[in-house]
C-alpha atoms as a PDB file:
ATOM      1  CA  MET A   1      -8.374 -46.925 -41.326  1.00  0.00           C
ATOM      2  CA  VAL A   2      -9.829 -44.575 -43.937  1.00  0.00           C
ATOM      3  CA  LYS A   3     -13.463 -43.486 -43.759  1.00  0.00           C
ATOM      4  CA  VAL A   4     -15.344 -42.537 -46.916  1.00  0.00           C
ATOM      5  CA  LEU A   5     -18.302 -40.175 -47.130  1.00  0.00           C
ATOM      6  CA  ILE A   6     -20.436 -40.544 -50.254  1.00  0.00           C
ATOM      7  CA  PHE A   7     -22.922 -37.788 -51.017  1.00  0.00           C
ATOM      8  CA  ALA A   8     -25.780 -39.456 -52.901  1.00  0.00           C
ATOM      9  CA  GLY A   9     -28.470 -36.875 -52.236  1.00  0.00           C
ATOM     10  CA  GLY A  10     -29.011 -35.497 -55.722  1.00  0.00           C
ATOM     11  CA  THR A  11     -32.402 -35.551 -57.376  1.00  0.00           C
ATOM     12  CA  GLY A  12     -31.371 -36.099 -60.997  1.00  0.00           C
ATOM     13  CA  ARG A  13     -32.964 -32.890 -62.233  1.00  0.00           C
ATOM     14  CA  ARG A  14     -30.104 -32.051 -64.649  1.00  0.00           C
ATOM     15  CA  MET A  15     -30.239 -35.592 -66.069  1.00  0.00           C
ATOM     16  CA  ASN A  16     -33.974 -35.198 -66.650  1.00  0.00           C
ATOM     17  CA  ALA A  17     -34.592 -38.228 -64.436  1.00  0.00           C
ATOM     18  CA  ARG A  18     -38.246 -37.872 -63.526  1.00  0.00           C
ATOM     19  CA  THR A  19     -38.875 -41.158 -61.758  1.00  0.00           C
ATOM     20  CA  ARG A  20     -35.823 -41.514 -59.536  1.00  0.00           C
ATOM     21  CA  PRO A  21     -32.632 -39.751 -58.420  1.00  0.00           C
ATOM     22  CA  LYS A  22     -29.625 -40.228 -60.719  1.00  0.00           C
ATOM     23  CA  GLN A  23     -27.769 -42.457 -58.240  1.00  0.00           C
ATOM     24  CA  PHE A  24     -30.651 -44.942 -58.457  1.00  0.00           C
ATOM     25  CA  LEU A  25     -30.875 -45.004 -62.245  1.00  0.00           C
ATOM     26  CA  MET A  26     -30.088 -48.415 -63.687  1.00  0.00           C
ATOM     27  CA  MET A  27     -26.969 -48.926 -65.771  1.00  0.00           C
ATOM     28  CA  HIS A  28     -26.287 -52.399 -67.178  1.00  0.00           C
ATOM     29  CA  GLY A  29     -28.850 -53.892 -64.801  1.00  0.00           C
ATOM     30  CA  LYS A  30     -27.503 -52.271 -61.635  1.00  0.00           C
ATOM     31  CA  PRO A  31     -28.126 -48.907 -59.939  1.00  0.00           C
ATOM     32  CA  VAL A  32     -25.310 -46.376 -60.379  1.00  0.00           C
ATOM     33  CA  ILE A  33     -24.766 -46.081 -56.604  1.00  0.00           C
ATOM     34  CA  LEU A  34     -23.704 -49.733 -56.409  1.00  0.00           C
ATOM     35  CA  TYR A  35     -20.866 -49.168 -58.879  1.00  0.00           C
ATOM     36  CA  THR A  36     -19.559 -46.448 -56.570  1.00  0.00           C
ATOM     37  CA  LEU A  37     -19.893 -48.607 -53.458  1.00  0.00           C
ATOM     38  CA  GLU A  38     -18.172 -51.584 -55.065  1.00  0.00           C
ATOM     39  CA  LYS A  39     -15.109 -49.492 -55.935  1.00  0.00           C
ATOM     40  CA  PHE A  40     -14.740 -48.192 -52.402  1.00  0.00           C
ATOM     41  CA  GLU A  41     -15.414 -51.596 -50.808  1.00  0.00           C
ATOM     42  CA  ALA A  42     -12.679 -53.170 -52.923  1.00  0.00           C
ATOM     43  CA  HIS A  43     -10.060 -50.708 -51.685  1.00  0.00           C
ATOM     44  CA  GLU A  44      -8.016 -52.343 -48.923  1.00  0.00           C
ATOM     45  CA  GLU A  45      -7.390 -49.146 -46.936  1.00  0.00           C
ATOM     46  CA  ILE A  46     -11.061 -48.225 -46.557  1.00  0.00           C
ATOM     47  CA  GLY A  47     -12.597 -49.376 -43.310  1.00  0.00           C
ATOM     48  CA  GLU A  48     -15.881 -47.496 -43.227  1.00  0.00           C
ATOM     49  CA  ILE A  49     -18.293 -46.072 -45.786  1.00  0.00           C
ATOM     50  CA  VAL A  50     -21.002 -43.539 -44.897  1.00  0.00           C
ATOM     51  CA  ILE A  51     -23.628 -42.635 -47.482  1.00  0.00           C
ATOM     52  CA  VAL A  52     -25.708 -39.457 -47.377  1.00  0.00           C
ATOM     53  CA  CYS A  53     -28.973 -40.107 -49.176  1.00  0.00           C
ATOM     54  CA  LEU A  54     -32.394 -38.531 -49.651  1.00  0.00           C
ATOM     55  CA  GLU A  55     -34.521 -39.667 -46.717  1.00  0.00           C
ATOM     56  CA  SER A  56     -37.310 -40.881 -48.992  1.00  0.00           C
ATOM     57  CA  TRP A  57     -34.834 -43.197 -50.796  1.00  0.00           C
ATOM     58  CA  MET A  58     -33.042 -44.659 -47.755  1.00  0.00           C
ATOM     59  CA  GLY A  59     -35.176 -47.805 -47.802  1.00  0.00           C
ATOM     60  CA  GLN A  60     -34.332 -48.452 -51.441  1.00  0.00           C
ATOM     61  CA  LEU A  61     -30.643 -47.877 -50.749  1.00  0.00           C
ATOM     62  CA  ARG A  62     -30.739 -50.410 -47.895  1.00  0.00           C
ATOM     63  CA  GLU A  63     -32.352 -52.968 -50.211  1.00  0.00           C
ATOM     64  CA  TYR A  64     -29.600 -52.513 -52.789  1.00  0.00           C
ATOM     65  CA  ILE A  65     -26.865 -52.818 -50.191  1.00  0.00           C
END
Protein backbone atom coordinates (compact mmCIF):
# COMPACT_ATOMS: atom_id res chain seq x y z
CA MET A 1 0.00 0.00 0.00
CA VAL A 2 1.32 3.43 -0.98
CA LYS A 3 0.63 6.47 1.20
CA VAL A 4 0.49 9.94 -0.33
CA LEU A 5 1.22 13.20 1.45
CA ILE A 6 -0.20 16.31 -0.21
CA PHE A 7 1.07 19.67 0.97
CA ALA A 8 -1.79 22.12 0.42
CA GLY A 9 -0.70 24.80 2.87
CA GLY A 10 0.14 27.63 0.49
CA THR A 11 -1.53 31.01 0.75
CA GLY A 12 -1.68 31.96 -2.93
CA ARG A 13 0.39 35.11 -2.49
CA ARG A 14 2.36 34.62 -5.75
CA MET A 15 -0.91 34.05 -7.65
CA ASN A 16 -2.29 37.29 -6.22
CA ALA A 17 -5.18 35.33 -4.71
CA ARG A 18 -6.50 37.69 -2.06
CA THR A 19 -9.64 35.88 -0.98
CA ARG A 20 -8.47 32.28 -0.68
CA PRO A 21 -5.40 30.03 -0.93
CA LYS A 22 -4.54 28.85 -4.45
CA GLN A 23 -5.57 25.24 -3.76
CA PHE A 24 -9.11 26.48 -3.06
CA LEU A 25 -9.41 28.66 -6.16
CA MET A 26 -12.13 27.46 -8.50
CA MET A 27 -11.24 26.07 -11.91
CA HIS A 28 -14.06 24.91 -14.18
CA GLY A 29 -16.47 24.93 -11.24
CA LYS A 30 -14.29 22.89 -8.88
CA PRO A 31 -11.53 23.80 -6.41
CA VAL A 32 -8.00 22.98 -7.62
CA ILE A 33 -7.35 20.67 -4.64
CA LEU A 34 -10.10 18.30 -5.79
CA TYR A 35 -8.39 17.75 -9.15
CA THR A 36 -5.29 16.65 -7.25
CA LEU A 37 -7.24 14.35 -4.93
CA GLU A 38 -9.15 12.73 -7.78
CA LYS A 39 -5.93 11.78 -9.57
CA PHE A 40 -4.47 10.14 -6.49
CA GLU A 41 -7.74 8.40 -5.55
CA ALA A 42 -7.96 6.88 -9.02
CA HIS A 43 -4.53 5.27 -8.73
CA GLU A 44 -4.94 1.61 -7.76
CA GLU A 45 -1.74 1.38 -5.70
CA ILE A 46 -2.59 4.27 -3.37
CA GLY A 47 -4.19 3.20 -0.13
CA GLU A 48 -4.02 6.35 1.96
CA ILE A 49 -3.96 10.08 1.30
CA VAL A 50 -2.92 12.64 3.93
CA ILE A 51 -3.42 16.33 3.24
CA VAL A 52 -1.54 19.11 5.04
CA CYS A 53 -3.69 22.23 4.99
CA LEU A 54 -3.87 25.65 6.62
CA GLU A 55 -5.74 25.19 9.89
CA SER A 56 -8.19 27.99 9.08
CA TRP A 57 -9.18 26.18 5.83
CA MET A 58 -9.54 22.63 7.20
CA GLY A 59 -13.31 22.96 7.53
CA GLN A 60 -13.64 24.02 3.90
CA LEU A 61 -11.41 21.16 2.80
CA ARG A 62 -13.60 18.67 4.70
CA GLU A 63 -16.70 20.07 2.98
CA TYR A 64 -15.13 19.60 -0.44
CA ILE A 65 -14.05 16.06 0.34
